[in-house]
C-alpha atoms as a PDB file:
ATOM      1  CA  MET A   1      94.096 143.320 -71.016  1.00  0.00           C
ATOM      2  CA  ASP A   2      95.397 146.734 -70.057  1.00  0.00           C
ATOM      3  CA  LEU A   3      98.633 147.236 -68.144  1.00  0.00           C
ATOM      4  CA  PHE A   4      99.716 150.535 -66.607  1.00  0.00           C
ATOM      5  CA  VAL A   5     102.906 151.376 -64.712  1.00  0.00           C
ATOM      6  CA  VAL A   6     102.902 154.736 -62.934  1.00  0.00           C
ATOM      7  CA  ALA A   7     105.738 156.606 -61.220  1.00  0.00           C
ATOM      8  CA  LEU A   8     104.095 157.785 -58.019  1.00  0.00           C
ATOM      9  CA  ALA A   9     106.255 160.913 -57.825  1.00  0.00           C
ATOM     10  CA  GLU A  10     104.673 162.125 -61.071  1.00  0.00           C
ATOM     11  CA  VAL A  11     101.122 161.939 -59.679  1.00  0.00           C
ATOM     12  CA  GLY A  12     101.812 162.716 -56.029  1.00  0.00           C
ATOM     13  CA  ASP A  13     100.127 166.118 -55.725  1.00  0.00           C
ATOM     14  CA  TRP A  14      97.041 165.074 -57.685  1.00  0.00           C
ATOM     15  CA  ALA A  15      96.743 161.748 -55.869  1.00  0.00           C
ATOM     16  CA  THR A  16      97.118 163.323 -52.428  1.00  0.00           C
ATOM     17  CA  MET A  17      94.239 165.680 -53.169  1.00  0.00           C
ATOM     18  CA  SER A  18      92.070 162.754 -54.311  1.00  0.00           C
ATOM     19  CA  THR A  19      92.291 160.445 -51.305  1.00  0.00           C
ATOM     20  CA  TRP A  20      88.657 161.322 -50.503  1.00  0.00           C
ATOM     21  CA  TRP A  21      87.777 158.817 -53.253  1.00  0.00           C
ATOM     22  CA  LEU A  22      88.975 155.973 -51.027  1.00  0.00           C
ATOM     23  CA  GLY A  23      86.771 153.688 -48.961  1.00  0.00           C
ATOM     24  CA  GLU A  24      87.028 153.153 -45.228  1.00  0.00           C
ATOM     25  CA  ASP A  25      88.704 149.771 -45.732  1.00  0.00           C
ATOM     26  CA  GLU A  26      91.494 151.380 -47.762  1.00  0.00           C
ATOM     27  CA  LEU A  27      91.937 154.188 -45.218  1.00  0.00           C
ATOM     28  CA  ALA A  28      92.060 151.677 -42.375  1.00  0.00           C
ATOM     29  CA  ARG A  29      94.754 149.678 -44.166  1.00  0.00           C
ATOM     30  CA  ALA A  30      96.743 152.897 -44.651  1.00  0.00           C
ATOM     31  CA  ARG A  31      96.523 153.710 -40.933  1.00  0.00           C
ATOM     32  CA  GLU A  32      98.194 150.382 -40.170  1.00  0.00           C
ATOM     33  CA  LEU A  33     101.351 151.634 -41.939  1.00  0.00           C
ATOM     34  CA  ARG A  34     103.341 153.597 -39.384  1.00  0.00           C
ATOM     35  CA  GLU A  35     105.999 155.033 -41.684  1.00  0.00           C
ATOM     36  CA  GLU A  36     104.977 158.076 -43.708  1.00  0.00           C
ATOM     37  CA  THR A  37     106.440 157.132 -47.102  1.00  0.00           C
ATOM     38  CA  PRO A  38     104.869 153.637 -47.334  1.00  0.00           C
ATOM     39  CA  ARG A  39     101.568 155.060 -46.098  1.00  0.00           C
ATOM     40  CA  ARG A  40     101.586 157.864 -48.685  1.00  0.00           C
ATOM     41  CA  GLU A  41     102.550 155.494 -51.501  1.00  0.00           C
ATOM     42  CA  PHE A  42      99.805 153.060 -50.487  1.00  0.00           C
ATOM     43  CA  LEU A  43      97.183 155.828 -50.533  1.00  0.00           C
ATOM     44  CA  ASN A  44      98.397 157.253 -53.827  1.00  0.00           C
ATOM     45  CA  SER A  45      98.500 153.817 -55.466  1.00  0.00           C
ATOM     46  CA  ARG A  46      94.876 153.223 -54.428  1.00  0.00           C
ATOM     47  CA  VAL A  47      93.893 156.559 -55.937  1.00  0.00           C
ATOM     48  CA  VAL A  48      95.593 155.567 -59.212  1.00  0.00           C
ATOM     49  CA  LEU A  49      93.812 152.196 -59.143  1.00  0.00           C
ATOM     50  CA  ARG A  50      90.416 153.781 -58.593  1.00  0.00           C
ATOM     51  CA  ARG A  51      90.968 156.316 -61.384  1.00  0.00           C
ATOM     52  CA  LEU A  52      91.910 153.612 -63.900  1.00  0.00           C
ATOM     53  CA  LEU A  53      89.012 151.350 -62.923  1.00  0.00           C
ATOM     54  CA  ALA A  54      86.581 154.282 -63.025  1.00  0.00           C
ATOM     55  CA  LEU A  55      87.593 155.030 -66.613  1.00  0.00           C
ATOM     56  CA  ARG A  56      86.958 151.393 -67.551  1.00  0.00           C
ATOM     57  CA  LEU A  57      83.660 151.176 -65.638  1.00  0.00           C
ATOM     58  CA  ASP A  58      82.538 154.659 -66.732  1.00  0.00           C
ATOM     59  CA  CYS A  59      81.747 155.868 -63.220  1.00  0.00           C
ATOM     60  CA  PRO A  60      83.191 158.266 -60.623  1.00  0.00           C
ATOM     61  CA  PRO A  61      86.277 156.897 -58.813  1.00  0.00           C
ATOM     62  CA  GLU A  62      84.537 157.030 -55.447  1.00  0.00           C
ATOM     63  CA  ALA A  63      81.727 154.813 -56.833  1.00  0.00           C
ATOM     64  CA  VAL A  64      84.073 151.894 -57.582  1.00  0.00           C
ATOM     65  CA  GLU A  65      83.606 148.976 -55.198  1.00  0.00           C
ATOM     66  CA  LEU A  66      86.678 146.832 -54.557  1.00  0.00           C
ATOM     67  CA  PRO A  67      85.659 143.628 -52.736  1.00  0.00           C
ATOM     68  CA  ARG A  68      88.372 141.357 -51.358  1.00  0.00           C
ATOM     69  CA  ASN A  69      88.483 137.711 -50.373  1.00  0.00           C
ATOM     70  CA  PRO A  70      88.498 137.799 -46.553  1.00  0.00           C
ATOM     71  CA  THR A  71      90.760 134.735 -46.362  1.00  0.00           C
ATOM     72  CA  THR A  72      93.435 135.426 -48.972  1.00  0.00           C
ATOM     73  CA  GLY A  73      93.005 139.184 -49.429  1.00  0.00           C
ATOM     74  CA  ALA A  74      92.779 138.627 -53.190  1.00  0.00           C
ATOM     75  CA  PRO A  75      90.716 141.256 -55.018  1.00  0.00           C
ATOM     76  CA  GLY A  76      87.341 140.303 -56.418  1.00  0.00           C
ATOM     77  CA  PRO A  77      85.968 141.817 -59.634  1.00  0.00           C
ATOM     78  CA  ALA A  78      85.585 145.594 -59.430  1.00  0.00           C
ATOM     79  CA  ARG A  79      82.044 146.907 -59.767  1.00  0.00           C
ATOM     80  CA  VAL A  80      80.038 150.086 -59.594  1.00  0.00           C
ATOM     81  CA  ARG A  81      78.379 150.706 -56.237  1.00  0.00           C
ATOM     82  CA  GLY A  82      74.657 150.031 -56.406  1.00  0.00           C
ATOM     83  CA  VAL A  83      74.768 148.418 -59.867  1.00  0.00           C
ATOM     84  CA  LYS A  84      73.753 144.751 -59.825  1.00  0.00           C
ATOM     85  CA  ALA A  85      74.691 143.837 -63.413  1.00  0.00           C
ATOM     86  CA  LEU A  86      77.590 145.053 -65.492  1.00  0.00           C
ATOM     87  CA  GLU A  87      77.740 145.632 -69.216  1.00  0.00           C
ATOM     88  CA  PRO A  88      78.771 142.806 -71.591  1.00  0.00           C
ATOM     89  CA  GLY A  89      82.499 142.189 -71.421  1.00  0.00           C
ATOM     90  CA  ASP A  90      82.636 142.826 -67.682  1.00  0.00           C
ATOM     91  CA  PRO A  91      83.304 142.060 -64.838  1.00  0.00           C
ATOM     92  CA  VAL A  92      86.538 143.968 -64.530  1.00  0.00           C
ATOM     93  CA  GLN A  93      89.173 141.819 -62.899  1.00  0.00           C
ATOM     94  CA  TYR A  94      92.309 143.613 -61.793  1.00  0.00           C
ATOM     95  CA  SER A  95      95.632 143.202 -60.051  1.00  0.00           C
ATOM     96  CA  LEU A  96      97.828 145.795 -58.381  1.00  0.00           C
ATOM     97  CA  ALA A  97     101.507 145.690 -57.459  1.00  0.00           C
ATOM     98  CA  ARG A  98     103.638 148.282 -55.706  1.00  0.00           C
ATOM     99  CA  THR A  99     107.331 148.733 -55.253  1.00  0.00           C
ATOM    100  CA  SER A 100     109.185 151.747 -53.933  1.00  0.00           C
ATOM    101  CA  GLY A 101     108.063 154.726 -56.033  1.00  0.00           C
ATOM    102  CA  TYR A 102     105.962 152.790 -58.573  1.00  0.00           C
ATOM    103  CA  VAL A 103     102.592 151.107 -58.960  1.00  0.00           C
ATOM    104  CA  ALA A 104     101.455 148.667 -61.658  1.00  0.00           C
ATOM    105  CA  VAL A 105      97.803 147.962 -62.464  1.00  0.00           C
ATOM    106  CA  ALA A 106      96.558 145.221 -64.804  1.00  0.00           C
ATOM    107  CA  MET A 107      92.890 145.009 -65.829  1.00  0.00           C
ATOM    108  CA  ALA A 108      91.061 142.370 -67.870  1.00  0.00           C
ATOM    109  CA  ASN A 109      87.700 140.631 -68.231  1.00  0.00           C
ATOM    110  CA  ARG A 110      89.186 137.390 -66.893  1.00  0.00           C
ATOM    111  CA  PRO A 111      91.670 136.497 -64.119  1.00  0.00           C
ATOM    112  CA  VAL A 112      94.855 138.551 -64.226  1.00  0.00           C
ATOM    113  CA  GLY A 113      97.892 139.082 -62.017  1.00  0.00           C
ATOM    114  CA  VAL A 114     100.789 141.527 -62.068  1.00  0.00           C
ATOM    115  CA  ASP A 115     103.925 141.923 -60.021  1.00  0.00           C
ATOM    116  CA  LEU A 116     106.452 144.745 -59.969  1.00  0.00           C
ATOM    117  CA  GLU A 117     109.737 144.843 -58.066  1.00  0.00           C
ATOM    118  CA  LEU A 118     112.921 146.851 -57.963  1.00  0.00           C
ATOM    119  CA  ARG A 119     115.898 144.632 -58.637  1.00  0.00           C
ATOM    120  CA  GLN A 120     116.950 142.776 -55.507  1.00  0.00           C
ATOM    121  CA  SER A 121     120.404 143.350 -54.074  1.00  0.00           C
ATOM    122  CA  ASN A 122     122.834 140.445 -54.136  1.00  0.00           C
ATOM    123  CA  GLN A 123     122.044 139.698 -50.490  1.00  0.00           C
ATOM    124  CA  GLN A 124     118.278 139.952 -51.019  1.00  0.00           C
ATOM    125  CA  SER A 125     118.406 137.746 -54.093  1.00  0.00           C
ATOM    126  CA  GLU A 126     120.313 135.029 -52.261  1.00  0.00           C
ATOM    127  CA  ALA A 127     117.603 134.972 -49.577  1.00  0.00           C
ATOM    128  CA  LEU A 128     114.833 135.032 -52.191  1.00  0.00           C
ATOM    129  CA  LEU A 129     116.462 132.225 -54.143  1.00  0.00           C
ATOM    130  CA  ARG A 130     115.891 129.873 -51.205  1.00  0.00           C
ATOM    131  CA  VAL A 131     112.098 130.207 -51.393  1.00  0.00           C
ATOM    132  CA  LEU A 132     111.815 129.417 -55.110  1.00  0.00           C
ATOM    133  CA  HIS A 133     110.991 126.044 -56.671  1.00  0.00           C
ATOM    134  CA  PRO A 134     113.927 123.588 -56.388  1.00  0.00           C
ATOM    135  CA  ALA A 135     114.255 123.348 -60.179  1.00  0.00           C
ATOM    136  CA  ASP A 136     114.406 127.146 -60.455  1.00  0.00           C
ATOM    137  CA  GLN A 137     116.943 127.281 -57.626  1.00  0.00           C
ATOM    138  CA  SER A 138     119.156 124.794 -59.432  1.00  0.00           C
ATOM    139  CA  ARG A 139     118.915 126.740 -62.694  1.00  0.00           C
ATOM    140  CA  LEU A 140     119.562 130.132 -61.091  1.00  0.00           C
ATOM    141  CA  LEU A 141     122.574 128.908 -59.140  1.00  0.00           C
ATOM    142  CA  ARG A 142     124.220 128.238 -62.504  1.00  0.00           C
ATOM    143  CA  VAL A 143     123.772 131.880 -63.536  1.00  0.00           C
ATOM    144  CA  PRO A 144     127.008 133.890 -63.126  1.00  0.00           C
ATOM    145  CA  ALA A 145     127.010 135.791 -59.821  1.00  0.00           C
ATOM    146  CA  ARG A 146     127.110 139.196 -61.541  1.00  0.00           C
ATOM    147  CA  ARG A 147     123.804 138.448 -63.302  1.00  0.00           C
ATOM    148  CA  ARG A 148     122.079 136.372 -60.640  1.00  0.00           C
ATOM    149  CA  ALA A 149     120.206 139.193 -58.865  1.00  0.00           C
ATOM    150  CA  ARG A 150     118.569 140.178 -62.156  1.00  0.00           C
ATOM    151  CA  ALA A 151     117.639 136.566 -62.962  1.00  0.00           C
ATOM    152  CA  VAL A 152     116.251 135.855 -59.478  1.00  0.00           C
ATOM    153  CA  THR A 153     114.139 139.013 -59.531  1.00  0.00           C
ATOM    154  CA  ASP A 154     112.788 138.049 -62.968  1.00  0.00           C
ATOM    155  CA  ALA A 155     111.801 134.625 -61.647  1.00  0.00           C
ATOM    156  CA  TRP A 156     110.190 136.042 -58.526  1.00  0.00           C
ATOM    157  CA  VAL A 157     107.916 138.502 -60.346  1.00  0.00           C
ATOM    158  CA  ARG A 158     106.670 135.673 -62.585  1.00  0.00           C
ATOM    159  CA  VAL A 159     105.877 133.565 -59.495  1.00  0.00           C
ATOM    160  CA  GLU A 160     103.957 136.408 -57.854  1.00  0.00           C
ATOM    161  CA  ALA A 161     102.061 137.299 -61.035  1.00  0.00           C
ATOM    162  CA  LEU A 162     100.948 133.669 -61.365  1.00  0.00           C
ATOM    163  CA  LEU A 163      99.818 133.419 -57.748  1.00  0.00           C
ATOM    164  CA  LYS A 164      97.896 136.669 -58.028  1.00  0.00           C
ATOM    165  CA  ALA A 165      96.145 135.469 -61.190  1.00  0.00           C
ATOM    166  CA  ARG A 166      95.229 132.282 -59.305  1.00  0.00           C
ATOM    167  CA  ARG A 167      93.796 134.474 -56.520  1.00  0.00           C
ATOM    168  CA  THR A 168      95.857 132.713 -53.866  1.00  0.00           C
ATOM    169  CA  GLY A 169      98.737 135.095 -53.417  1.00  0.00           C
ATOM    170  CA  LEU A 170     101.420 133.941 -51.030  1.00  0.00           C
ATOM    171  CA  SER A 171      98.968 131.762 -49.125  1.00  0.00           C
ATOM    172  CA  VAL A 172     100.462 129.157 -51.504  1.00  0.00           C
ATOM    173  CA  ASP A 173     104.086 128.202 -50.907  1.00  0.00           C
ATOM    174  CA  PRO A 174     106.067 129.840 -53.762  1.00  0.00           C
ATOM    175  CA  SER A 175     108.465 126.882 -53.761  1.00  0.00           C
ATOM    176  CA  THR A 176     105.670 124.844 -55.368  1.00  0.00           C
ATOM    177  CA  VAL A 177     105.527 127.157 -58.421  1.00  0.00           C
ATOM    178  CA  HIS A 178     107.982 126.281 -61.192  1.00  0.00           C
ATOM    179  CA  VAL A 179     108.405 129.150 -63.659  1.00  0.00           C
ATOM    180  CA  GLY A 180     111.393 127.917 -65.695  1.00  0.00           C
ATOM    181  CA  ALA A 181     113.806 129.826 -67.886  1.00  0.00           C
ATOM    182  CA  GLU A 182     111.487 130.918 -70.692  1.00  0.00           C
ATOM    183  CA  ASN A 183     110.182 134.473 -70.508  1.00  0.00           C
ATOM    184  CA  ARG A 184     106.710 133.480 -71.708  1.00  0.00           C
ATOM    185  CA  VAL A 185     105.055 130.260 -70.547  1.00  0.00           C
ATOM    186  CA  ARG A 186     101.599 128.687 -70.803  1.00  0.00           C
ATOM    187  CA  HIS A 187     100.760 126.714 -67.677  1.00  0.00           C
ATOM    188  CA  PRO A 188      98.486 123.643 -67.492  1.00  0.00           C
ATOM    189  CA  ASP A 189      95.736 125.602 -65.717  1.00  0.00           C
ATOM    190  CA  GLY A 190      95.383 127.896 -68.750  1.00  0.00           C
ATOM    191  CA  LEU A 191      97.356 130.810 -67.365  1.00  0.00           C
ATOM    192  CA  VAL A 192      99.954 132.558 -69.490  1.00  0.00           C
ATOM    193  CA  VAL A 193     102.779 134.381 -67.703  1.00  0.00           C
ATOM    194  CA  THR A 194     105.312 136.664 -69.314  1.00  0.00           C
ATOM    195  CA  GLY A 195     107.998 139.044 -68.189  1.00  0.00           C
ATOM    196  CA  VAL A 196     107.493 142.661 -69.181  1.00  0.00           C
ATOM    197  CA  ARG A 197     110.318 144.424 -70.953  1.00  0.00           C
ATOM    198  CA  THR A 198     111.685 147.515 -69.221  1.00  0.00           C
ATOM    199  CA  ARG A 199     113.732 150.319 -70.668  1.00  0.00           C
ATOM    200  CA  ARG A 200     117.468 149.838 -70.941  1.00  0.00           C
ATOM    201  CA  GLY A 201     119.131 150.582 -67.619  1.00  0.00           C
ATOM    202  CA  SER A 202     115.902 150.271 -65.628  1.00  0.00           C
ATOM    203  CA  GLN A 203     115.974 148.621 -62.203  1.00  0.00           C
ATOM    204  CA  LEU A 204     112.297 147.669 -62.501  1.00  0.00           C
ATOM    205  CA  HIS A 205     111.233 144.073 -63.076  1.00  0.00           C
ATOM    206  CA  ALA A 206     107.648 143.140 -63.907  1.00  0.00           C
ATOM    207  CA  ALA A 207     105.554 140.200 -65.020  1.00  0.00           C
ATOM    208  CA  VAL A 208     101.914 139.730 -65.894  1.00  0.00           C
ATOM    209  CA  ALA A 209      99.760 136.574 -65.952  1.00  0.00           C
ATOM    210  CA  TRP A 210      96.286 136.095 -67.390  1.00  0.00           C
ATOM    211  CA  LEU A 211      93.841 133.313 -68.152  1.00  0.00           C
ATOM    212  CA  GLU A 212      94.097 132.328 -71.779  1.00  0.00           C
ATOM    213  CA  ASP A 213      90.923 132.576 -73.868  1.00  0.00           C
ATOM    214  CA  PRO A 214      89.666 128.973 -74.308  1.00  0.00           C
ATOM    215  CA  LEU A 215      88.252 129.926 -77.716  1.00  0.00           C
ATOM    216  CA  GLY A 216      91.707 130.833 -78.924  1.00  0.00           C
ATOM    217  CA  SER A 217      91.025 134.498 -79.686  1.00  0.00           C
ATOM    218  CA  PRO A 218      94.085 136.781 -80.017  1.00  0.00           C
ATOM    219  CA  GLU A 219      95.972 137.483 -76.837  1.00  0.00           C
ATOM    220  CA  PRO A 220      94.628 140.604 -75.145  1.00  0.00           C
ATOM    221  CA  TRP A 221      97.964 142.274 -74.558  1.00  0.00           C
ATOM    222  CA  THR A 222     101.259 142.674 -76.378  1.00  0.00           C
ATOM    223  CA  ASP A 223     104.668 142.922 -74.743  1.00  0.00           C
ATOM    224  CA  ARG A 224     105.933 146.508 -74.759  1.00  0.00           C
ATOM    225  CA  PRO A 225     108.691 148.418 -72.956  1.00  0.00           C
ATOM    226  CA  MET A 226     107.860 150.257 -69.753  1.00  0.00           C
ATOM    227  CA  GLY A 227     109.484 151.794 -66.695  1.00  0.00           C
ATOM    228  CA  ARG A 228     112.501 153.914 -66.080  1.00  0.00           C
END
């Protein structure tokens, strides 16, 4: 699995000039965003996604097809337009997450999910706490108030990464997903979820989930620091 976290400000000029790579569906979704900054960050994050997938698929970015489930909006495997069969090791499954100023992209040859969030404020974390699994709520309420926003945000990104890897997203009630206190957990459905370390002082929180190899081959990704 490959995981990339990109500061959108660092690629803004290049990404803005490359929006012609995008498909009509992506442009239509951008037009639904009325505020300029979210619209620009959406477009630029899609450009980054297409560039990374194009490198993996060995094709031009504009030739990458990005099908989505019409019911859940979950992404299907990326493919090259007009190519019926992919090379061994494909299809390329991917997951994208955005937060203000940043985009994260995870890619693998089996189901994968990533979430990325800026740390919630105390008020936001209290509201978010109420939608988590009851066991996680109980645990997090015992965390000292000065550290609770960090702990709640860590729990939330693990929930979202899991739901993205399951291809359900928030069509499933997050209060049914118990993530627990451990940073790295194997779930009964074969998914592994882990928090991603960020640099000291960073306000970014991230988690990634992937389907474990049933043959027991080495894990495809190793925890490493990221972010600012």
